[in-house]
Amino acid sequence: MEDGFKTLIGRKHHEFRFLRSHCALYRTDLLKKYTKGFGDGECAGSSIHRHLLNAGYELEFLPVAELSRYMDHLNHATMILNPELSGRRTSGAKSFRKLGCKLNAVNYRRILEDDTLDR
């Protein structure tokens, strides 16, 4: 959608198409081996994608319809859970409860404790 909107308003597309970090699954060992952290001047998704491509890996883009079957975007989740990072009104009690309901619905604690997902 982003590229289509840019075309509509006359802006150029990104020359480098990359997986968005919040919509991607990565093997932890590859991130540790091939990336240099997230402070290299690029956004995290672009940086990770570029480093893994340079290391010879292929990254696959899934169609939005397929991806949305497996994920639910939690808008501003980082700011809601870490209000000291932003000071924005997205970190209010209502937002925190809404996010908590979403996370509890997928049993997030079990997911966080499952180290087999990193293999």
PDB file of N, CA and C in Angstrom:
ATOM      1  N   MET A   1       0.815  -1.191   0.000  1.00  0.00           N
ATOM      2  CA  MET A   1       0.000   0.000   0.000  1.00  0.00           C
ATOM      3  C   MET A   1       0.863   1.261   0.000  1.00  0.00           C
ATOM      4  N   GLU A   2       1.959   1.173   0.748  1.00  0.00           N
ATOM      5  CA  GLU A   2       2.827   2.341   0.869  1.00  0.00           C
ATOM      6  C   GLU A   2       3.354   2.788  -0.490  1.00  0.00           C
ATOM      7  N   ASP A   3       3.841   1.824  -1.287  1.00  0.00           N
ATOM      8  CA  ASP A   3       4.362   2.162  -2.609  1.00  0.00           C
ATOM      9  C   ASP A   3       3.266   2.712  -3.520  1.00  0.00           C
ATOM     10  N   GLY A   4       2.057   2.124  -3.440  1.00  0.00           N
ATOM     11  CA  GLY A   4       0.943   2.612  -4.246  1.00  0.00           C
ATOM     12  C   GLY A   4       0.569   4.044  -3.893  1.00  0.00           C
ATOM     13  N   PHE A   5       0.565   4.353  -2.605  1.00  0.00           N
ATOM     14  CA  PHE A   5       0.258   5.710  -2.161  1.00  0.00           C
ATOM     15  C   PHE A   5       1.323   6.686  -2.648  1.00  0.00           C
ATOM     16  N   LYS A   6       2.593   6.291  -2.566  1.00  0.00           N
ATOM     17  CA  LYS A   6       3.670   7.172  -3.030  1.00  0.00           C
ATOM     18  C   LYS A   6       3.547   7.446  -4.523  1.00  0.00           C
ATOM     19  N   THR A   7       3.160   6.427  -5.290  1.00  0.00           N
ATOM     20  CA  THR A   7       2.950   6.616  -6.721  1.00  0.00           C
ATOM     21  C   THR A   7       1.822   7.614  -6.953  1.00  0.00           C
ATOM     22  N   LEU A   8       0.756   7.467  -6.186  1.00  0.00           N
ATOM     23  CA  LEU A   8      -0.406   8.338  -6.321  1.00  0.00           C
ATOM     24  C   LEU A   8      -0.057   9.798  -6.062  1.00  0.00           C
ATOM     25  N   ILE A   9       0.788  10.065  -5.074  1.00  0.00           N
ATOM     26  CA  ILE A   9       1.141  11.459  -4.763  1.00  0.00           C
ATOM     27  C   ILE A   9       2.422  11.913  -5.456  1.00  0.00           C
ATOM     28  N   GLY A  10       2.979  11.043  -6.316  1.00  0.00           N
ATOM     29  CA  GLY A  10       4.122  11.439  -7.128  1.00  0.00           C
ATOM     30  C   GLY A  10       5.480  11.275  -6.479  1.00  0.00           C
ATOM     31  N   ARG A  11       5.590  10.485  -5.423  1.00  0.00           N
ATOM     32  CA  ARG A  11       6.898  10.231  -4.807  1.00  0.00           C
ATOM     33  C   ARG A  11       7.470   8.931  -5.342  1.00  0.00           C
ATOM     34  N   LYS A  12       8.766   8.834  -5.306  1.00  0.00           N
ATOM     35  CA  LYS A  12       9.430   7.630  -5.800  1.00  0.00           C
ATOM     36  C   LYS A  12       9.353   6.512  -4.773  1.00  0.00           C
ATOM     37  N   HIS A  13       9.385   5.283  -5.276  1.00  0.00           N
ATOM     38  CA  HIS A  13       9.411   4.094  -4.419  1.00  0.00           C
ATOM     39  C   HIS A  13      10.798   3.951  -3.808  1.00  0.00           C
ATOM     40  N   HIS A  14      10.851   3.180  -2.721  1.00  0.00           N
ATOM     41  CA  HIS A  14      12.161   2.825  -2.169  1.00  0.00           C
ATOM     42  C   HIS A  14      12.908   1.990  -3.200  1.00  0.00           C
ATOM     43  N   GLU A  15      14.170   2.276  -3.394  1.00  0.00           N
ATOM     44  CA  GLU A  15      14.945   1.452  -4.315  1.00  0.00           C
ATOM     45  C   GLU A  15      15.284   0.114  -3.690  1.00  0.00           C
ATOM     46  N   PHE A  16      15.356   0.060  -2.375  1.00  0.00           N
ATOM     47  CA  PHE A  16      15.693  -1.172  -1.675  1.00  0.00           C
ATOM     48  C   PHE A  16      14.461  -1.650  -0.927  1.00  0.00           C
ATOM     49  N   ARG A  17      13.867  -2.734  -1.387  1.00  0.00           N
ATOM     50  CA  ARG A  17      12.687  -3.310  -0.746  1.00  0.00           C
ATOM     51  C   ARG A  17      13.161  -4.265   0.337  1.00  0.00           C
ATOM     52  N   PHE A  18      12.664  -4.088   1.553  1.00  0.00           N
ATOM     53  CA  PHE A  18      13.121  -4.927   2.649  1.00  0.00           C
ATOM     54  C   PHE A  18      11.960  -5.378   3.523  1.00  0.00           C
ATOM     55  N   LEU A  19      12.194  -6.466   4.262  1.00  0.00           N
ATOM     56  CA  LEU A  19      11.194  -6.961   5.198  1.00  0.00           C
ATOM     57  C   LEU A  19      11.126  -6.018   6.383  1.00  0.00           C
ATOM     58  N   ARG A  20       9.949  -5.627   6.771  1.00  0.00           N
ATOM     59  CA  ARG A  20       9.789  -4.792   7.965  1.00  0.00           C
ATOM     60  C   ARG A  20      10.117  -5.640   9.188  1.00  0.00           C
ATOM     61  N   SER A  21      10.891  -5.115  10.098  1.00  0.00           N
ATOM     62  CA  SER A  21      11.329  -5.905  11.247  1.00  0.00           C
ATOM     63  C   SER A  21      10.168  -6.358  12.116  1.00  0.00           C
ATOM     64  N   HIS A  22       9.085  -5.595  12.164  1.00  0.00           N
ATOM     65  CA  HIS A  22       7.953  -5.982  13.001  1.00  0.00           C
ATOM     66  C   HIS A  22       7.019  -6.966  12.307  1.00  0.00           C
ATOM     67  N   CYS A  23       7.310  -7.318  11.082  1.00  0.00           N
ATOM     68  CA  CYS A  23       6.494  -8.282  10.336  1.00  0.00           C
ATOM     69  C   CYS A  23       7.359  -9.416   9.809  1.00  0.00           C
ATOM     70  N   ALA A  24       8.399  -9.760  10.537  1.00  0.00           N
ATOM     71  CA  ALA A  24       9.321 -10.773  10.048  1.00  0.00           C
ATOM     72  C   ALA A  24       9.715 -11.727  11.163  1.00  0.00           C
ATOM     73  N   LEU A  25      10.078 -12.923  10.779  1.00  0.00           N
ATOM     74  CA  LEU A  25      10.631 -13.901  11.710  1.00  0.00           C
ATOM     75  C   LEU A  25      12.072 -14.158  11.296  1.00  0.00           C
ATOM     76  N   TYR A  26      12.979 -14.050  12.232  1.00  0.00           N
ATOM     77  CA  TYR A  26      14.394 -14.274  11.952  1.00  0.00           C
ATOM     78  C   TYR A  26      14.946 -15.321  12.903  1.00  0.00           C
ATOM     79  N   ARG A  27      15.903 -16.078  12.424  1.00  0.00           N
ATOM     80  CA  ARG A  27      16.613 -17.004  13.304  1.00  0.00           C
ATOM     81  C   ARG A  27      17.596 -16.193  14.136  1.00  0.00           C
ATOM     82  N   THR A  28      17.491 -16.323  15.443  1.00  0.00           N
ATOM     83  CA  THR A  28      18.307 -15.537  16.363  1.00  0.00           C
ATOM     84  C   THR A  28      19.799 -15.716  16.097  1.00  0.00           C
ATOM     85  N   ASP A  29      20.223 -16.950  15.800  1.00  0.00           N
ATOM     86  CA  ASP A  29      21.651 -17.180  15.577  1.00  0.00           C
ATOM     87  C   ASP A  29      22.162 -16.385  14.368  1.00  0.00           C
ATOM     88  N   LEU A  30      21.327 -16.214  13.349  1.00  0.00           N
ATOM     89  CA  LEU A  30      21.747 -15.437  12.183  1.00  0.00           C
ATOM     90  C   LEU A  30      21.839 -13.955  12.511  1.00  0.00           C
ATOM     91  N   LEU A  31      20.909 -13.460  13.308  1.00  0.00           N
ATOM     92  CA  LEU A  31      20.972 -12.050  13.708  1.00  0.00           C
ATOM     93  C   LEU A  31      22.238 -11.779  14.499  1.00  0.00           C
ATOM     94  N   LYS A  32      22.564 -12.676  15.411  1.00  0.00           N
ATOM     95  CA  LYS A  32      23.767 -12.491  16.232  1.00  0.00           C
ATOM     96  C   LYS A  32      25.036 -12.586  15.389  1.00  0.00           C
ATOM     97  N   LYS A  33      25.019 -13.469  14.406  1.00  0.00           N
ATOM     98  CA  LYS A  33      26.214 -13.694  13.598  1.00  0.00           C
ATOM     99  C   LYS A  33      26.441 -12.611  12.541  1.00  0.00           C
ATOM    100  N   TYR A  34      25.373 -12.142  11.892  1.00  0.00           N
ATOM    101  CA  TYR A  34      25.541 -11.287  10.714  1.00  0.00           C
ATOM    102  C   TYR A  34      25.160  -9.818  10.887  1.00  0.00           C
ATOM    103  N   THR A  35      24.469  -9.471  11.944  1.00  0.00           N
ATOM    104  CA  THR A  35      24.102  -8.068  12.102  1.00  0.00           C
ATOM    105  C   THR A  35      24.995  -7.410  13.131  1.00  0.00           C
ATOM    106  N   LYS A  36      25.039  -6.104  13.075  1.00  0.00           N
ATOM    107  CA  LYS A  36      25.913  -5.339  13.965  1.00  0.00           C
ATOM    108  C   LYS A  36      25.099  -4.502  14.938  1.00  0.00           C
ATOM    109  N   GLY A  37      23.926  -4.993  15.306  1.00  0.00           N
ATOM    110  CA  GLY A  37      23.047  -4.214  16.161  1.00  0.00           C
ATOM    111  C   GLY A  37      22.150  -3.348  15.303  1.00  0.00           C
ATOM    112  N   PHE A  38      21.457  -2.445  15.924  1.00  0.00           N
ATOM    113  CA  PHE A  38      20.474  -1.669  15.201  1.00  0.00           C
ATOM    114  C   PHE A  38      20.789  -0.185  15.192  1.00  0.00           C
ATOM    115  N   GLY A  39      22.008   0.187  15.472  1.00  0.00           N
ATOM    116  CA  GLY A  39      22.383   1.591  15.469  1.00  0.00           C
ATOM    117  C   GLY A  39      23.341   1.933  14.349  1.00  0.00           C
ATOM    118  N   ASP A  40      23.135   1.323  13.182  1.00  0.00           N
ATOM    119  CA  ASP A  40      24.072   1.550  12.070  1.00  0.00           C
ATOM    120  C   ASP A  40      23.581   2.601  11.077  1.00  0.00           C
ATOM    121  N   GLY A  41      22.590   3.392  11.469  1.00  0.00           N
ATOM    122  CA  GLY A  41      22.116   4.469  10.606  1.00  0.00           C
ATOM    123  C   GLY A  41      20.923   4.112   9.744  1.00  0.00           C
ATOM    124  N   GLU A  42      20.571   2.848   9.653  1.00  0.00           N
ATOM    125  CA  GLU A  42      19.403   2.413   8.888  1.00  0.00           C
ATOM    126  C   GLU A  42      18.320   1.988   9.866  1.00  0.00           C
ATOM    127  N   CYS A  43      17.080   1.897   9.381  1.00  0.00           N
ATOM    128  CA  CYS A  43      16.044   1.337  10.249  1.00  0.00           C
ATOM    129  C   CYS A  43      16.351  -0.148  10.435  1.00  0.00           C
ATOM    130  N   ALA A  44      15.854  -0.741  11.510  1.00  0.00           N
ATOM    131  CA  ALA A  44      16.199  -2.120  11.862  1.00  0.00           C
ATOM    132  C   ALA A  44      15.886  -3.097  10.738  1.00  0.00           C
ATOM    133  N   GLY A  45      14.699  -2.991  10.125  1.00  0.00           N
ATOM    134  CA  GLY A  45      14.328  -3.928   9.068  1.00  0.00           C
ATOM    135  C   GLY A  45      15.256  -3.864   7.875  1.00  0.00           C
ATOM    136  N   SER A  46      15.589  -2.654   7.453  1.00  0.00           N
ATOM    137  CA  SER A  46      16.483  -2.467   6.323  1.00  0.00           C
ATOM    138  C   SER A  46      17.879  -3.001   6.634  1.00  0.00           C
ATOM    139  N   SER A  47      18.361  -2.704   7.818  1.00  0.00           N
ATOM    140  CA  SER A  47      19.689  -3.143   8.230  1.00  0.00           C
ATOM    141  C   SER A  47      19.797  -4.668   8.279  1.00  0.00           C
ATOM    142  N   ILE A  48      18.835  -5.308   8.950  1.00  0.00           N
ATOM    143  CA  ILE A  48      18.833  -6.769   9.044  1.00  0.00           C
ATOM    144  C   ILE A  48      18.770  -7.380   7.655  1.00  0.00           C
ATOM    145  N   HIS A  49      17.856  -6.904   6.836  1.00  0.00           N
ATOM    146  CA  HIS A  49      17.657  -7.454   5.501  1.00  0.00           C
ATOM    147  C   HIS A  49      18.943  -7.349   4.677  1.00  0.00           C
ATOM    148  N   ARG A  50      19.552  -6.188   4.688  1.00  0.00           N
ATOM    149  CA  ARG A  50      20.775  -5.971   3.913  1.00  0.00           C
ATOM    150  C   ARG A  50      21.917  -6.879   4.382  1.00  0.00           C
ATOM    151  N   HIS A  51      22.099  -6.987   5.697  1.00  0.00           N
ATOM    152  CA  HIS A  51      23.179  -7.839   6.225  1.00  0.00           C
ATOM    153  C   HIS A  51      22.975  -9.308   5.853  1.00  0.00           C
ATOM    154  N   LEU A  52      21.734  -9.788   5.951  1.00  0.00           N
ATOM    155  CA  LEU A  52      21.483 -11.186   5.623  1.00  0.00           C
ATOM    156  C   LEU A  52      21.593 -11.444   4.121  1.00  0.00           C
ATOM    157  N   LEU A  53      21.168 -10.504   3.294  1.00  0.00           N
ATOM    158  CA  LEU A  53      21.361 -10.658   1.844  1.00  0.00           C
ATOM    159  C   LEU A  53      22.848 -10.705   1.501  1.00  0.00           C
ATOM    160  N   ASN A  54      23.625  -9.821   2.118  1.00  0.00           N
ATOM    161  CA  ASN A  54      25.066  -9.790   1.868  1.00  0.00           C
ATOM    162  C   ASN A  54      25.753 -11.073   2.327  1.00  0.00           C
ATOM    163  N   ALA A  55      25.158 -11.761   3.307  1.00  0.00           N
ATOM    164  CA  ALA A  55      25.722 -13.030   3.788  1.00  0.00           C
ATOM    165  C   ALA A  55      25.263 -14.205   2.933  1.00  0.00           C
ATOM    166  N   GLY A  56      24.448 -13.935   1.910  1.00  0.00           N
ATOM    167  CA  GLY A  56      24.041 -14.984   0.980  1.00  0.00           C
ATOM    168  C   GLY A  56      22.684 -15.608   1.270  1.00  0.00           C
ATOM    169  N   TYR A  57      21.936 -15.074   2.203  1.00  0.00           N
ATOM    170  CA  TYR A  57      20.619 -15.622   2.520  1.00  0.00           C
ATOM    171  C   TYR A  57      19.544 -14.998   1.643  1.00  0.00           C
ATOM    172  N   GLU A  58      18.490 -15.785   1.367  1.00  0.00           N
ATOM    173  CA  GLU A  58      17.334 -15.282   0.645  1.00  0.00           C
ATOM    174  C   GLU A  58      16.250 -15.003   1.661  1.00  0.00           C
ATOM    175  N   LEU A  59      15.565 -13.886   1.509  1.00  0.00           N
ATOM    176  CA  LEU A  59      14.474 -13.540   2.402  1.00  0.00           C
ATOM    177  C   LEU A  59      13.202 -13.523   1.582  1.00  0.00           C
ATOM    178  N   GLU A  60      12.179 -14.178   2.066  1.00  0.00           N
ATOM    179  CA  GLU A  60      10.955 -14.346   1.302  1.00  0.00           C
ATOM    180  C   GLU A  60       9.863 -13.395   1.795  1.00  0.00           C
ATOM    181  N   PHE A  61       9.253 -12.713   0.852  1.00  0.00           N
ATOM    182  CA  PHE A  61       8.120 -11.842   1.149  1.00  0.00           C
ATOM    183  C   PHE A  61       6.834 -12.665   1.036  1.00  0.00           C
ATOM    184  N   LEU A  62       6.023 -12.623   2.066  1.00  0.00           N
ATOM    185  CA  LEU A  62       4.734 -13.313   2.031  1.00  0.00           C
ATOM    186  C   LEU A  62       3.648 -12.330   1.618  1.00  0.00           C
ATOM    187  N   PRO A  63       2.644 -12.814   0.890  1.00  0.00           N
ATOM    188  CA  PRO A  63       1.519 -11.935   0.557  1.00  0.00           C
ATOM    189  C   PRO A  63       0.831 -11.468   1.845  1.00  0.00           C
ATOM    190  N   VAL A  64       0.319 -10.255   1.845  1.00  0.00           N
ATOM    191  CA  VAL A  64      -0.320  -9.687   3.028  1.00  0.00           C
ATOM    192  C   VAL A  64      -1.430 -10.594   3.554  1.00  0.00           C
ATOM    193  N   ALA A  65      -2.239 -11.152   2.662  1.00  0.00           N
ATOM    194  CA  ALA A  65      -3.344 -12.028   3.096  1.00  0.00           C
ATOM    195  C   ALA A  65      -2.816 -13.236   3.858  1.00  0.00           C
ATOM    196  N   GLU A  66      -1.705 -13.784   3.422  1.00  0.00           N
ATOM    197  CA  GLU A  66      -1.104 -14.939   4.104  1.00  0.00           C
ATOM    198  C   GLU A  66      -0.530 -14.519   5.452  1.00  0.00           C
ATOM    199  N   LEU A  67       0.210 -13.442   5.468  1.00  0.00           N
ATOM    200  CA  LEU A  67       0.841 -12.962   6.693  1.00  0.00           C
ATOM    201  C   LEU A  67      -0.192 -12.620   7.764  1.00  0.00           C
ATOM    202  N   SER A  68      -1.282 -11.991   7.366  1.00  0.00           N
ATOM    203  CA  SER A  68      -2.282 -11.566   8.347  1.00  0.00           C
ATOM    204  C   SER A  68      -3.029 -12.741   8.976  1.00  0.00           C
ATOM    205  N   ARG A  69      -2.909 -13.929   8.395  1.00  0.00           N
ATOM    206  CA  ARG A  69      -3.482 -15.124   9.022  1.00  0.00           C
ATOM    207  C   ARG A  69      -2.707 -15.498  10.277  1.00  0.00           C
ATOM    208  N   TYR A  70      -1.453 -15.063  10.373  1.00  0.00           N
ATOM    209  CA  TYR A  70      -0.569 -15.490  11.460  1.00  0.00           C
ATOM    210  C   TYR A  70      -0.158 -14.384  12.416  1.00  0.00           C
ATOM    211  N   MET A  71      -0.461 -13.152  12.083  1.00  0.00           N
ATOM    212  CA  MET A  71      -0.034 -12.075  12.968  1.00  0.00           C
ATOM    213  C   MET A  71      -1.098 -10.997  13.085  1.00  0.00           C
ATOM    214  N   ASP A  72      -1.015 -10.286  14.192  1.00  0.00           N
ATOM    215  CA  ASP A  72      -1.914  -9.171  14.453  1.00  0.00           C
ATOM    216  C   ASP A  72      -1.029  -8.015  14.876  1.00  0.00           C
ATOM    217  N   HIS A  73      -1.076  -6.927  14.142  1.00  0.00           N
ATOM    218  CA  HIS A  73      -0.214  -5.793  14.447  1.00  0.00           C
ATOM    219  C   HIS A  73      -0.719  -5.072  15.692  1.00  0.00           C
ATOM    220  N   LEU A  74       0.123  -4.975  16.701  1.00  0.00           N
ATOM    221  CA  LEU A  74      -0.222  -4.280  17.943  1.00  0.00           C
ATOM    222  C   LEU A  74       0.353  -2.876  17.857  1.00  0.00           C
ATOM    223  N   ASN A  75      -0.450  -1.960  17.388  1.00  0.00           N
ATOM    224  CA  ASN A  75      -0.008  -0.601  17.126  1.00  0.00           C
ATOM    225  C   ASN A  75       0.558   0.074  18.372  1.00  0.00           C
ATOM    226  N   HIS A  76       1.758   0.582  18.272  1.00  0.00           N
ATOM    227  CA  HIS A  76       2.445   1.312  19.346  1.00  0.00           C
ATOM    228  C   HIS A  76       2.734   0.454  20.578  1.00  0.00           C
ATOM    229  N   ALA A  77       2.851  -0.856  20.433  1.00  0.00           N
ATOM    230  CA  ALA A  77       3.047  -1.728  21.593  1.00  0.00           C
ATOM    231  C   ALA A  77       4.294  -1.355  22.383  1.00  0.00           C
ATOM    232  N   THR A  78       5.381  -1.037  21.721  1.00  0.00           N
ATOM    233  CA  THR A  78       6.612  -0.681  22.435  1.00  0.00           C
ATOM    234  C   THR A  78       6.397   0.546  23.299  1.00  0.00           C
ATOM    235  N   MET A  79       5.709   1.540  22.764  1.00  0.00           N
ATOM    236  CA  MET A  79       5.477   2.765  23.539  1.00  0.00           C
ATOM    237  C   MET A  79       4.487   2.540  24.680  1.00  0.00           C
ATOM    238  N   ILE A  80       3.518   1.651  24.469  1.00  0.00           N
ATOM    239  CA  ILE A  80       2.548   1.368  25.516  1.00  0.00           C
ATOM    240  C   ILE A  80       3.239   0.655  26.684  1.00  0.00           C
ATOM    241  N   LEU A  81       4.095  -0.306  26.357  1.00  0.00           N
ATOM    242  CA  LEU A  81       4.773  -1.070  27.402  1.00  0.00           C
ATOM    243  C   LEU A  81       5.948  -0.323  28.018  1.00  0.00           C
ATOM    244  N   ASN A  82       6.462   0.685  27.330  1.00  0.00           N
ATOM    245  CA  ASN A  82       7.604   1.468  27.812  1.00  0.00           C
ATOM    246  C   ASN A  82       7.299   2.953  27.698  1.00  0.00           C
ATOM    247  N   PRO A  83       6.376   3.467  28.503  1.00  0.00           N
ATOM    248  CA  PRO A  83       5.957   4.863  28.332  1.00  0.00           C
ATOM    249  C   PRO A  83       7.094   5.860  28.507  1.00  0.00           C
ATOM    250  N   GLU A  84       8.138   5.488  29.221  1.00  0.00           N
ATOM    251  CA  GLU A  84       9.264   6.406  29.406  1.00  0.00           C
ATOM    252  C   GLU A  84      10.004   6.681  28.105  1.00  0.00           C
ATOM    253  N   LEU A  85       9.818   5.833  27.099  1.00  0.00           N
ATOM    254  CA  LEU A  85      10.474   6.031  25.807  1.00  0.00           C
ATOM    255  C   LEU A  85       9.834   7.135  24.994  1.00  0.00           C
ATOM    256  N   SER A  86       8.556   7.374  25.217  1.00  0.00           N
ATOM    257  CA  SER A  86       7.882   8.305  24.327  1.00  0.00           C
ATOM    258  C   SER A  86       7.165   9.449  25.023  1.00  0.00           C
ATOM    259  N   GLY A  87       6.568   9.180  26.161  1.00  0.00           N
ATOM    260  CA  GLY A  87       5.779  10.201  26.826  1.00  0.00           C
ATOM    261  C   GLY A  87       4.510  10.531  26.067  1.00  0.00           C
ATOM    262  N   ARG A  88       4.165   9.708  25.074  1.00  0.00           N
ATOM    263  CA  ARG A  88       2.967   9.968  24.264  1.00  0.00           C
ATOM    264  C   ARG A  88       1.728   9.429  24.956  1.00  0.00           C
ATOM    265  N   ARG A  89       0.586   9.910  24.544  1.00  0.00           N
ATOM    266  CA  ARG A  89      -0.654   9.499  25.187  1.00  0.00           C
ATOM    267  C   ARG A  89      -1.065   8.066  24.835  1.00  0.00           C
ATOM    268  N   THR A  90      -0.347   7.413  23.925  1.00  0.00           N
ATOM    269  CA  THR A  90      -0.653   6.020  23.590  1.00  0.00           C
ATOM    270  C   THR A  90      -0.348   5.101  24.765  1.00  0.00           C
ATOM    271  N   SER A  91       0.360   5.605  25.764  1.00  0.00           N
ATOM    272  CA  SER A  91       0.765   4.755  26.878  1.00  0.00           C
ATOM    273  C   SER A  91      -0.189   4.837  28.066  1.00  0.00           C
ATOM    274  N   GLY A  92      -1.417   5.245  27.847  1.00  0.00           N
ATOM    275  CA  GLY A  92      -2.391   5.351  28.917  1.00  0.00           C
ATOM    276  C   GLY A  92      -2.901   4.000  29.386  1.00  0.00           C
ATOM    277  N   ALA A  93      -3.655   4.005  30.487  1.00  0.00           N
ATOM    278  CA  ALA A  93      -4.173   2.768  31.085  1.00  0.00           C
ATOM    279  C   ALA A  93      -5.072   2.004  30.113  1.00  0.00           C
ATOM    280  N   LYS A  94      -5.894   2.722  29.359  1.00  0.00           N
ATOM    281  CA  LYS A  94      -6.786   2.065  28.403  1.00  0.00           C
ATOM    282  C   LYS A  94      -5.988   1.325  27.331  1.00  0.00           C
ATOM    283  N   SER A  95      -4.960   1.974  26.804  1.00  0.00           N
ATOM    284  CA  SER A  95      -4.117   1.340  25.786  1.00  0.00           C
ATOM    285  C   SER A  95      -3.399   0.124  26.360  1.00  0.00           C
ATOM    286  N   PHE A  96      -2.932   0.245  27.594  1.00  0.00           N
ATOM    287  CA  PHE A  96      -2.222  -0.859  28.242  1.00  0.00           C
ATOM    288  C   PHE A  96      -3.161  -2.058  28.424  1.00  0.00           C
ATOM    289  N   ARG A  97      -4.397  -1.822  28.856  1.00  0.00           N
ATOM    290  CA  ARG A  97      -5.375  -2.912  29.035  1.00  0.00           C
ATOM    291  C   ARG A  97      -5.691  -3.578  27.700  1.00  0.00           C
ATOM    292  N   LYS A  98      -5.887  -2.771  26.667  1.00  0.00           N
ATOM    293  CA  LYS A  98      -6.203  -3.307  25.335  1.00  0.00           C
ATOM    294  C   LYS A  98      -5.071  -4.193  24.827  1.00  0.00           C
ATOM    295  N   LEU A  99      -3.852  -3.720  24.984  1.00  0.00           N
ATOM    296  CA  LEU A  99      -2.693  -4.503  24.570  1.00  0.00           C
ATOM    297  C   LEU A  99      -2.583  -5.777  25.393  1.00  0.00           C
ATOM    298  N   GLY A 100      -2.803  -5.673  26.698  1.00  0.00           N
ATOM    299  CA  GLY A 100      -2.755  -6.847  27.579  1.00  0.00           C
ATOM    300  C   GLY A 100      -3.746  -7.915  27.161  1.00  0.00           C
ATOM    301  N   CYS A 101      -4.949  -7.507  26.778  1.00  0.00           N
ATOM    302  CA  CYS A 101      -5.961  -8.464  26.319  1.00  0.00           C
ATOM    303  C   CYS A 101      -5.488  -9.193  25.064  1.00  0.00           C
ATOM    304  N   LYS A 102      -4.916  -8.447  24.126  1.00  0.00           N
ATOM    305  CA  LYS A 102      -4.402  -9.061  22.893  1.00  0.00           C
ATOM    306  C   LYS A 102      -3.289 -10.060  23.207  1.00  0.00           C
ATOM    307  N   LEU A 103      -2.351  -9.646  24.057  1.00  0.00           N
ATOM    308  CA  LEU A 103      -1.221 -10.521  24.392  1.00  0.00           C
ATOM    309  C   LEU A 103      -1.679 -11.757  25.159  1.00  0.00           C
ATOM    310  N   ASN A 104      -2.580 -11.590  26.092  1.00  0.00           N
ATOM    311  CA  ASN A 104      -3.074 -12.727  26.857  1.00  0.00           C
ATOM    312  C   ASN A 104      -3.848 -13.708  25.985  1.00  0.00           C
ATOM    313  N   ALA A 105      -4.526 -13.205  24.970  1.00  0.00           N
ATOM    314  CA  ALA A 105      -5.305 -14.066  24.073  1.00  0.00           C
ATOM    315  C   ALA A 105      -4.411 -15.057  23.329  1.00  0.00           C
ATOM    316  N   VAL A 106      -3.160 -14.719  23.115  1.00  0.00           N
ATOM    317  CA  VAL A 106      -2.246 -15.622  22.415  1.00  0.00           C
ATOM    318  C   VAL A 106      -1.273 -16.304  23.375  1.00  0.00           C
ATOM    319  N   ASN A 107      -1.518 -16.166  24.689  1.00  0.00           N
ATOM    320  CA  ASN A 107      -0.663 -16.776  25.713  1.00  0.00           C
ATOM    321  C   ASN A 107       0.804 -16.400  25.480  1.00  0.00           C
ATOM    322  N   TYR A 108       1.069 -15.103  25.478  1.00  0.00           N
ATOM    323  CA  TYR A 108       2.397 -14.596  25.138  1.00  0.00           C
ATOM    324  C   TYR A 108       3.496 -15.089  26.067  1.00  0.00           C
ATOM    325  N   ARG A 109       3.190 -15.347  27.330  1.00  0.00           N
ATOM    326  CA  ARG A 109       4.233 -15.823  28.254  1.00  0.00           C
ATOM    327  C   ARG A 109       4.786 -17.174  27.797  1.00  0.00           C
ATOM    328  N   ARG A 110       3.894 -18.061  27.354  1.00  0.00           N
ATOM    329  CA  ARG A 110       4.335 -19.366  26.857  1.00  0.00           C
ATOM    330  C   ARG A 110       5.230 -19.182  25.634  1.00  0.00           C
ATOM    331  N   ILE A 111       4.858 -18.258  24.760  1.00  0.00           N
ATOM    332  CA  ILE A 111       5.646 -18.002  23.560  1.00  0.00           C
ATOM    333  C   ILE A 111       7.031 -17.470  23.932  1.00  0.00           C
ATOM    334  N   LEU A 112       7.101 -16.517  24.858  1.00  0.00           N
ATOM    335  CA  LEU A 112       8.381 -15.947  25.265  1.00  0.00           C
ATOM    336  C   LEU A 112       9.290 -16.983  25.921  1.00  0.00           C
ATOM    337  N   GLU A 113       8.710 -17.938  26.613  1.00  0.00           N
ATOM    338  CA  GLU A 113       9.502 -18.953  27.310  1.00  0.00           C
ATOM    339  C   GLU A 113       9.906 -20.112  26.412  1.00  0.00           C
ATOM    340  N   ASP A 114       9.376 -20.204  25.214  1.00  0.00           N
ATOM    341  CA  ASP A 114       9.634 -21.321  24.308  1.00  0.00           C
ATOM    342  C   ASP A 114      10.893 -21.065  23.475  1.00  0.00           C
ATOM    343  N   ASP A 115      12.040 -21.553  23.966  1.00  0.00           N
ATOM    344  CA  ASP A 115      13.293 -21.308  23.247  1.00  0.00           C
ATOM    345  C   ASP A 115      13.428 -22.138  21.978  1.00  0.00           C
ATOM    346  N   THR A 116      12.531 -23.098  21.751  1.00  0.00           N
ATOM    347  CA  THR A 116      12.589 -23.853  20.496  1.00  0.00           C
ATOM    348  C   THR A 116      12.231 -22.983  19.302  1.00  0.00           C
ATOM    349  N   LEU A 117      11.571 -21.844  19.552  1.00  0.00           N
ATOM    350  CA  LEU A 117      11.229 -20.944  18.450  1.00  0.00           C
ATOM    351  C   LEU A 117      12.466 -20.268  17.867  1.00  0.00           C
ATOM    352  N   ASP A 118      13.566 -20.280  18.587  1.00  0.00           N
ATOM    353  CA  ASP A 118      14.814 -19.687  18.095  1.00  0.00           C
ATOM    354  C   ASP A 118      15.671 -20.690  17.313  1.00  0.00           C
ATOM    355  N   ARG A 119      15.173 -21.869  17.123  1.00  0.00           N
ATOM    356  CA  ARG A 119      15.963 -22.881  16.397  1.00  0.00           C
ATOM    357  C   ARG A 119      15.506 -23.018  14.973  1.00  0.00           C
TER     358      ARG A 119
END
